[in-house]
Each structure stands twice: as C-alpha cells, then as structure tokens.
Amino acid sequence: MGKDDNITIVSCSGASNTGCFTDSVARKLAESGQANMLCLAKIAIGDEKLVESTKSSNDKIIVLDGCPFNCAEKILKKEGIDRFHHVNTTDYGITKGKTPVTDEKVDEIIDSIKQL
C-alpha cells in the first residue's frame, strides 16, 4: 500500500476463528491509519448512502473473507460493488475451527494485503 493509496477495507466478522482473523486484520489496519473500515452489515441491509459512496469511491477496496463461503464478497457483489481485491484467510493455511488466532498470522495477512 503506497503512501498515496486510500484503502477501504470490508471484512467478514464471522463466528469462527477465521472470522476473528479477518476482523483482526481489518481493525489493525484501521487502527494504524492504513485503511478505512466499512461496516459489512450496513452494506448487507442495502444502506443506500454507504453502497453508493463505496461504488463511487476511488479508494482501493479490500474485501476480507474467512472461509470458502465468501460472504463478504457475495454481499458486495449483490449490492453491485464489484471493484475490489478479494482476500480469504484460508489462502494462508488457516483452517476453520482449528487454527489459533495469532498476531504473527494476522501480520502475515496484513503484509500480503500491502502488496496488492
């Protein structure tokens, strides 16, 4: 992520460890000032203002999913938002219900996102 990149991040926050990973990654990026985090639930209910501002944004949009269901990706696409980079925690050797959430693994995912 270059200094001039504006990053918007939308994350699954599902009940499993994989949702915890995605939420942790998104929050860490947002808290460090490297990204602006959007509320996936508001997009899911069709909040017109948020959906339209996301569609018209020039930001680099990163969508984080925690498992192969890809709920976050599907929610954005359902609302007509299709310009984004999609990242899934399962691509990092994380197994749903098994892999413990660690700072090291969260940082590995963040480092990968920074390369997008």
N, C-alpha and C. Protein backbone atom coordinates (compact mmCIF):
# COMPACT_ATOMS: atom_id res chain seq x y z
N MET A 1 0.86 -1.17 0.00
CA MET A 1 0.00 0.00 0.00
C MET A 1 0.90 1.22 0.00
N GLY A 2 0.85 1.94 -1.08
CA GLY A 2 1.65 3.14 -1.17
C GLY A 2 1.12 4.25 -0.29
N LYS A 3 1.96 5.24 -0.07
CA LYS A 3 1.61 6.35 0.81
C LYS A 3 0.38 7.10 0.30
N ASP A 4 0.22 7.15 -1.01
CA ASP A 4 -0.89 7.91 -1.58
C ASP A 4 -2.15 7.07 -1.80
N ASP A 5 -2.07 5.76 -1.52
CA ASP A 5 -3.23 4.90 -1.67
C ASP A 5 -4.22 5.14 -0.53
N ASN A 6 -5.48 5.30 -0.88
CA ASN A 6 -6.54 5.31 0.12
C ASN A 6 -7.15 3.93 0.09
N ILE A 7 -7.13 3.26 1.23
CA ILE A 7 -7.60 1.89 1.33
C ILE A 7 -8.90 1.85 2.11
N THR A 8 -9.88 1.16 1.55
CA THR A 8 -11.12 0.87 2.25
C THR A 8 -11.17 -0.64 2.43
N ILE A 9 -11.47 -1.06 3.65
CA ILE A 9 -11.49 -2.49 3.95
C ILE A 9 -12.86 -2.91 4.46
N VAL A 10 -13.36 -4.01 3.91
CA VAL A 10 -14.64 -4.58 4.31
C VAL A 10 -14.35 -6.01 4.72
N SER A 11 -14.80 -6.38 5.93
CA SER A 11 -14.38 -7.64 6.48
C SER A 11 -15.52 -8.49 7.01
N CYS A 12 -15.42 -9.78 6.73
CA CYS A 12 -16.22 -10.77 7.43
C CYS A 12 -15.86 -10.66 8.90
N SER A 13 -16.82 -10.83 9.76
CA SER A 13 -16.55 -10.90 11.20
C SER A 13 -17.29 -12.10 11.76
N GLY A 14 -17.24 -13.19 11.03
CA GLY A 14 -17.99 -14.39 11.37
C GLY A 14 -17.64 -14.97 12.73
N ALA A 15 -18.39 -15.96 13.14
CA ALA A 15 -18.30 -16.53 14.48
C ALA A 15 -17.09 -17.43 14.69
N SER A 16 -16.49 -17.92 13.63
CA SER A 16 -15.37 -18.86 13.79
C SER A 16 -14.05 -18.12 13.94
N ASN A 17 -12.99 -18.89 14.12
CA ASN A 17 -11.65 -18.33 14.21
C ASN A 17 -11.28 -17.57 12.93
N THR A 18 -11.79 -18.04 11.80
CA THR A 18 -11.45 -17.38 10.54
C THR A 18 -12.07 -15.99 10.47
N GLY A 19 -13.26 -15.83 11.00
CA GLY A 19 -13.88 -14.51 11.10
C GLY A 19 -13.12 -13.61 12.05
N CYS A 20 -12.57 -14.19 13.10
CA CYS A 20 -11.75 -13.43 14.04
C CYS A 20 -10.48 -12.94 13.35
N PHE A 21 -9.90 -13.79 12.51
CA PHE A 21 -8.72 -13.37 11.75
C PHE A 21 -9.03 -12.17 10.87
N THR A 22 -10.10 -12.26 10.07
CA THR A 22 -10.42 -11.17 9.15
C THR A 22 -10.74 -9.88 9.90
N ASP A 23 -11.49 -10.01 10.98
CA ASP A 23 -11.83 -8.84 11.77
C ASP A 23 -10.57 -8.23 12.39
N SER A 24 -9.67 -9.06 12.89
CA SER A 24 -8.43 -8.58 13.49
C SER A 24 -7.56 -7.85 12.47
N VAL A 25 -7.46 -8.42 11.28
CA VAL A 25 -6.68 -7.78 10.21
C VAL A 25 -7.28 -6.41 9.88
N ALA A 26 -8.58 -6.37 9.66
CA ALA A 26 -9.24 -5.11 9.29
C ALA A 26 -9.08 -4.06 10.39
N ARG A 27 -9.31 -4.45 11.63
CA ARG A 27 -9.20 -3.49 12.73
C ARG A 27 -7.77 -2.99 12.93
N LYS A 28 -6.81 -3.87 12.77
CA LYS A 28 -5.41 -3.46 12.93
C LYS A 28 -5.03 -2.45 11.85
N LEU A 29 -5.46 -2.71 10.61
CA LEU A 29 -5.19 -1.76 9.53
C LEU A 29 -5.89 -0.42 9.78
N ALA A 30 -7.13 -0.48 10.24
CA ALA A 30 -7.89 0.75 10.51
C ALA A 30 -7.29 1.53 11.68
N GLU A 31 -6.97 0.83 12.75
CA GLU A 31 -6.42 1.50 13.94
C GLU A 31 -5.06 2.13 13.67
N SER A 32 -4.30 1.55 12.75
CA SER A 32 -2.98 2.10 12.41
C SER A 32 -3.08 3.26 11.41
N GLY A 33 -4.29 3.51 10.93
CA GLY A 33 -4.48 4.59 9.95
C GLY A 33 -4.18 4.18 8.52
N GLN A 34 -3.95 2.89 8.30
CA GLN A 34 -3.61 2.42 6.95
C GLN A 34 -4.84 2.11 6.10
N ALA A 35 -6.01 2.07 6.73
CA ALA A 35 -7.24 1.76 5.98
C ALA A 35 -8.44 2.34 6.71
N ASN A 36 -9.50 2.53 5.95
CA ASN A 36 -10.79 2.93 6.48
C ASN A 36 -11.68 1.68 6.45
N MET A 37 -12.23 1.31 7.60
CA MET A 37 -13.03 0.08 7.69
C MET A 37 -14.51 0.42 7.52
N LEU A 38 -15.18 -0.33 6.64
CA LEU A 38 -16.61 -0.16 6.44
C LEU A 38 -17.37 -1.27 7.16
N CYS A 39 -18.63 -1.00 7.46
CA CYS A 39 -19.49 -1.96 8.13
C CYS A 39 -20.17 -2.87 7.10
N LEU A 40 -19.78 -4.13 7.10
CA LEU A 40 -20.35 -5.11 6.17
C LEU A 40 -21.85 -5.26 6.40
N ALA A 41 -22.30 -5.21 7.64
CA ALA A 41 -23.73 -5.36 7.94
C ALA A 41 -24.55 -4.26 7.29
N LYS A 42 -24.04 -3.02 7.30
CA LYS A 42 -24.78 -1.92 6.66
C LYS A 42 -24.88 -2.12 5.16
N ILE A 43 -23.83 -2.67 4.57
CA ILE A 43 -23.89 -2.97 3.13
C ILE A 43 -24.90 -4.09 2.90
N ALA A 44 -24.90 -5.10 3.77
CA ALA A 44 -25.80 -6.24 3.62
C ALA A 44 -27.27 -5.84 3.68
N ILE A 45 -27.60 -4.81 4.46
CA ILE A 45 -29.00 -4.37 4.54
C ILE A 45 -29.33 -3.35 3.46
N GLY A 46 -28.36 -3.07 2.59
CA GLY A 46 -28.62 -2.17 1.47
C GLY A 46 -28.62 -0.70 1.83
N ASP A 47 -27.86 -0.29 2.83
CA ASP A 47 -27.76 1.13 3.18
C ASP A 47 -27.32 1.91 1.95
N GLU A 48 -28.30 2.64 1.36
CA GLU A 48 -28.06 3.31 0.07
C GLU A 48 -26.88 4.25 0.08
N LYS A 49 -26.77 5.06 1.10
CA LYS A 49 -25.69 6.04 1.17
C LYS A 49 -24.33 5.36 1.18
N LEU A 50 -24.18 4.32 2.00
CA LEU A 50 -22.90 3.61 2.07
C LEU A 50 -22.61 2.85 0.78
N VAL A 51 -23.61 2.20 0.23
CA VAL A 51 -23.42 1.44 -1.02
C VAL A 51 -23.00 2.38 -2.14
N GLU A 52 -23.69 3.50 -2.29
CA GLU A 52 -23.36 4.44 -3.37
C GLU A 52 -22.00 5.07 -3.18
N SER A 53 -21.66 5.44 -1.94
CA SER A 53 -20.34 6.05 -1.72
C SER A 53 -19.22 5.04 -1.96
N THR A 54 -19.48 3.78 -1.66
CA THR A 54 -18.49 2.74 -1.91
C THR A 54 -18.33 2.51 -3.41
N LYS A 55 -19.43 2.48 -4.13
CA LYS A 55 -19.38 2.30 -5.59
C LYS A 55 -18.62 3.43 -6.27
N SER A 56 -18.80 4.65 -5.80
CA SER A 56 -18.19 5.80 -6.46
C SER A 56 -16.81 6.15 -5.92
N SER A 57 -16.37 5.44 -4.93
CA SER A 57 -15.07 5.72 -4.30
C SER A 57 -13.92 5.41 -5.25
N ASN A 58 -12.87 6.19 -5.15
CA ASN A 58 -11.63 5.92 -5.88
C ASN A 58 -10.64 5.13 -5.03
N ASP A 59 -11.04 4.79 -3.81
CA ASP A 59 -10.17 4.04 -2.91
C ASP A 59 -9.92 2.63 -3.45
N LYS A 60 -8.80 2.07 -3.03
CA LYS A 60 -8.55 0.65 -3.27
C LYS A 60 -9.39 -0.09 -2.23
N ILE A 61 -10.29 -0.95 -2.67
CA ILE A 61 -11.18 -1.67 -1.77
C ILE A 61 -10.66 -3.09 -1.59
N ILE A 62 -10.49 -3.48 -0.32
CA ILE A 62 -10.05 -4.82 0.03
C ILE A 62 -11.21 -5.51 0.75
N VAL A 63 -11.59 -6.68 0.27
CA VAL A 63 -12.65 -7.46 0.90
C VAL A 63 -12.01 -8.70 1.52
N LEU A 64 -12.22 -8.87 2.83
CA LEU A 64 -11.64 -10.00 3.55
C LEU A 64 -12.72 -11.01 3.90
N ASP A 65 -12.50 -12.25 3.51
CA ASP A 65 -13.39 -13.33 3.89
C ASP A 65 -12.62 -14.36 4.70
N GLY A 66 -13.35 -15.08 5.56
CA GLY A 66 -12.72 -16.04 6.44
C GLY A 66 -12.87 -17.49 6.04
N CYS A 67 -13.71 -17.76 5.07
CA CYS A 67 -13.90 -19.16 4.67
C CYS A 67 -14.40 -19.21 3.23
N PRO A 68 -14.46 -20.39 2.66
CA PRO A 68 -14.86 -20.52 1.25
C PRO A 68 -16.29 -20.09 0.92
N PHE A 69 -17.12 -19.80 1.92
CA PHE A 69 -18.46 -19.28 1.62
C PHE A 69 -18.37 -17.88 1.01
N ASN A 70 -17.30 -17.14 1.34
CA ASN A 70 -17.06 -15.81 0.78
C ASN A 70 -18.25 -14.87 0.94
N CYS A 71 -18.79 -14.81 2.15
CA CYS A 71 -19.98 -13.99 2.42
C CYS A 71 -19.75 -12.51 2.11
N ALA A 72 -18.60 -11.97 2.53
CA ALA A 72 -18.35 -10.55 2.31
C ALA A 72 -18.32 -10.24 0.81
N GLU A 73 -17.63 -11.06 0.06
CA GLU A 73 -17.57 -10.87 -1.39
C GLU A 73 -18.98 -10.93 -2.00
N LYS A 74 -19.77 -11.91 -1.59
CA LYS A 74 -21.12 -12.07 -2.14
C LYS A 74 -22.01 -10.89 -1.78
N ILE A 75 -21.88 -10.38 -0.57
CA ILE A 75 -22.69 -9.23 -0.14
C ILE A 75 -22.37 -8.02 -1.00
N LEU A 76 -21.09 -7.74 -1.21
CA LEU A 76 -20.72 -6.59 -2.03
C LEU A 76 -21.24 -6.75 -3.46
N LYS A 77 -21.04 -7.93 -4.03
CA LYS A 77 -21.50 -8.16 -5.40
C LYS A 77 -23.02 -8.03 -5.51
N LYS A 78 -23.74 -8.50 -4.50
CA LYS A 78 -25.19 -8.40 -4.50
C LYS A 78 -25.64 -6.95 -4.55
N GLU A 79 -24.85 -6.07 -3.96
CA GLU A 79 -25.16 -4.63 -3.96
C GLU A 79 -24.55 -3.91 -5.15
N GLY A 80 -23.97 -4.65 -6.08
CA GLY A 80 -23.42 -4.06 -7.30
C GLY A 80 -22.03 -3.48 -7.13
N ILE A 81 -21.36 -3.83 -6.06
CA ILE A 81 -19.98 -3.38 -5.83
C ILE A 81 -19.08 -4.52 -6.29
N ASP A 82 -18.34 -4.29 -7.37
CA ASP A 82 -17.53 -5.38 -7.90
C ASP A 82 -16.08 -4.98 -8.19
N ARG A 83 -15.71 -3.79 -7.79
CA ARG A 83 -14.33 -3.33 -8.00
C ARG A 83 -13.59 -3.43 -6.66
N PHE A 84 -12.97 -4.58 -6.43
CA PHE A 84 -12.24 -4.78 -5.18
C PHE A 84 -11.25 -5.92 -5.32
N HIS A 85 -10.32 -5.97 -4.37
CA HIS A 85 -9.39 -7.09 -4.23
C HIS A 85 -9.98 -8.00 -3.17
N HIS A 86 -10.02 -9.28 -3.45
CA HIS A 86 -10.60 -10.25 -2.52
C HIS A 86 -9.49 -11.07 -1.87
N VAL A 87 -9.54 -11.17 -0.53
CA VAL A 87 -8.55 -11.94 0.23
C VAL A 87 -9.32 -12.91 1.12
N ASN A 88 -8.88 -14.15 1.16
CA ASN A 88 -9.51 -15.15 2.01
C ASN A 88 -8.47 -15.74 2.95
N THR A 89 -8.77 -15.80 4.23
CA THR A 89 -7.80 -16.29 5.21
C THR A 89 -7.40 -17.74 4.95
N THR A 90 -8.27 -18.52 4.33
CA THR A 90 -7.93 -19.92 4.06
C THR A 90 -6.76 -20.04 3.09
N ASP A 91 -6.45 -18.97 2.37
CA ASP A 91 -5.30 -18.96 1.47
C ASP A 91 -3.97 -18.85 2.23
N TYR A 92 -4.04 -18.68 3.54
CA TYR A 92 -2.84 -18.53 4.38
C TYR A 92 -2.66 -19.72 5.32
N GLY A 93 -3.21 -20.86 4.95
CA GLY A 93 -3.05 -22.06 5.74
C GLY A 93 -3.87 -22.07 7.01
N ILE A 94 -4.89 -21.25 7.06
CA ILE A 94 -5.76 -21.17 8.23
C ILE A 94 -6.92 -22.13 8.02
N THR A 95 -7.17 -22.96 9.01
CA THR A 95 -8.25 -23.93 8.94
C THR A 95 -9.38 -23.49 9.86
N LYS A 96 -10.58 -23.43 9.29
CA LYS A 96 -11.75 -23.02 10.05
C LYS A 96 -11.95 -23.94 11.24
N GLY A 97 -12.08 -23.34 12.41
CA GLY A 97 -12.33 -24.09 13.63
C GLY A 97 -11.10 -24.71 14.27
N LYS A 98 -9.93 -24.50 13.65
CA LYS A 98 -8.74 -25.17 14.17
C LYS A 98 -7.55 -24.23 14.42
N THR A 99 -7.22 -23.38 13.47
CA THR A 99 -6.02 -22.57 13.58
C THR A 99 -6.21 -21.46 14.62
N PRO A 100 -5.36 -21.44 15.65
CA PRO A 100 -5.49 -20.38 16.65
C PRO A 100 -5.12 -19.01 16.06
N VAL A 101 -5.82 -18.00 16.50
CA VAL A 101 -5.57 -16.63 16.04
C VAL A 101 -4.31 -16.12 16.74
N THR A 102 -3.32 -15.75 15.93
CA THR A 102 -2.07 -15.22 16.47
C THR A 102 -1.72 -13.90 15.79
N ASP A 103 -0.99 -13.06 16.52
CA ASP A 103 -0.53 -11.80 15.94
C ASP A 103 0.36 -12.04 14.73
N GLU A 104 1.17 -13.08 14.78
CA GLU A 104 2.08 -13.38 13.68
C GLU A 104 1.31 -13.67 12.39
N LYS A 105 0.25 -14.46 12.49
CA LYS A 105 -0.53 -14.80 11.30
C LYS A 105 -1.33 -13.58 10.81
N VAL A 106 -1.85 -12.79 11.75
CA VAL A 106 -2.54 -11.54 11.38
C VAL A 106 -1.58 -10.65 10.61
N ASP A 107 -0.35 -10.49 11.11
CA ASP A 107 0.64 -9.64 10.44
C ASP A 107 1.04 -10.19 9.08
N GLU A 108 1.07 -11.52 8.94
CA GLU A 108 1.37 -12.13 7.64
C GLU A 108 0.31 -11.74 6.61
N ILE A 109 -0.95 -11.78 7.00
CA ILE A 109 -2.04 -11.41 6.09
C ILE A 109 -1.95 -9.93 5.75
N ILE A 110 -1.68 -9.10 6.76
CA ILE A 110 -1.54 -7.66 6.51
C ILE A 110 -0.41 -7.39 5.53
N ASP A 111 0.73 -8.05 5.72
CA ASP A 111 1.86 -7.86 4.81
C ASP A 111 1.48 -8.23 3.38
N SER A 112 0.69 -9.28 3.22
CA SER A 112 0.23 -9.69 1.90
C SER A 112 -0.70 -8.65 1.29
N ILE A 113 -1.59 -8.11 2.11
CA ILE A 113 -2.53 -7.07 1.63
C ILE A 113 -1.77 -5.84 1.16
N LYS A 114 -0.70 -5.51 1.85
CA LYS A 114 0.09 -4.33 1.49
C LYS A 114 0.72 -4.46 0.09
N GLN A 115 0.82 -5.70 -0.40
CA GLN A 115 1.39 -5.93 -1.72
C GLN A 115 0.37 -5.79 -2.85
N LEU A 116 -0.89 -5.68 -2.51
CA LEU A 116 -1.95 -5.59 -3.54
C LEU A 116 -1.90 -4.25 -4.27
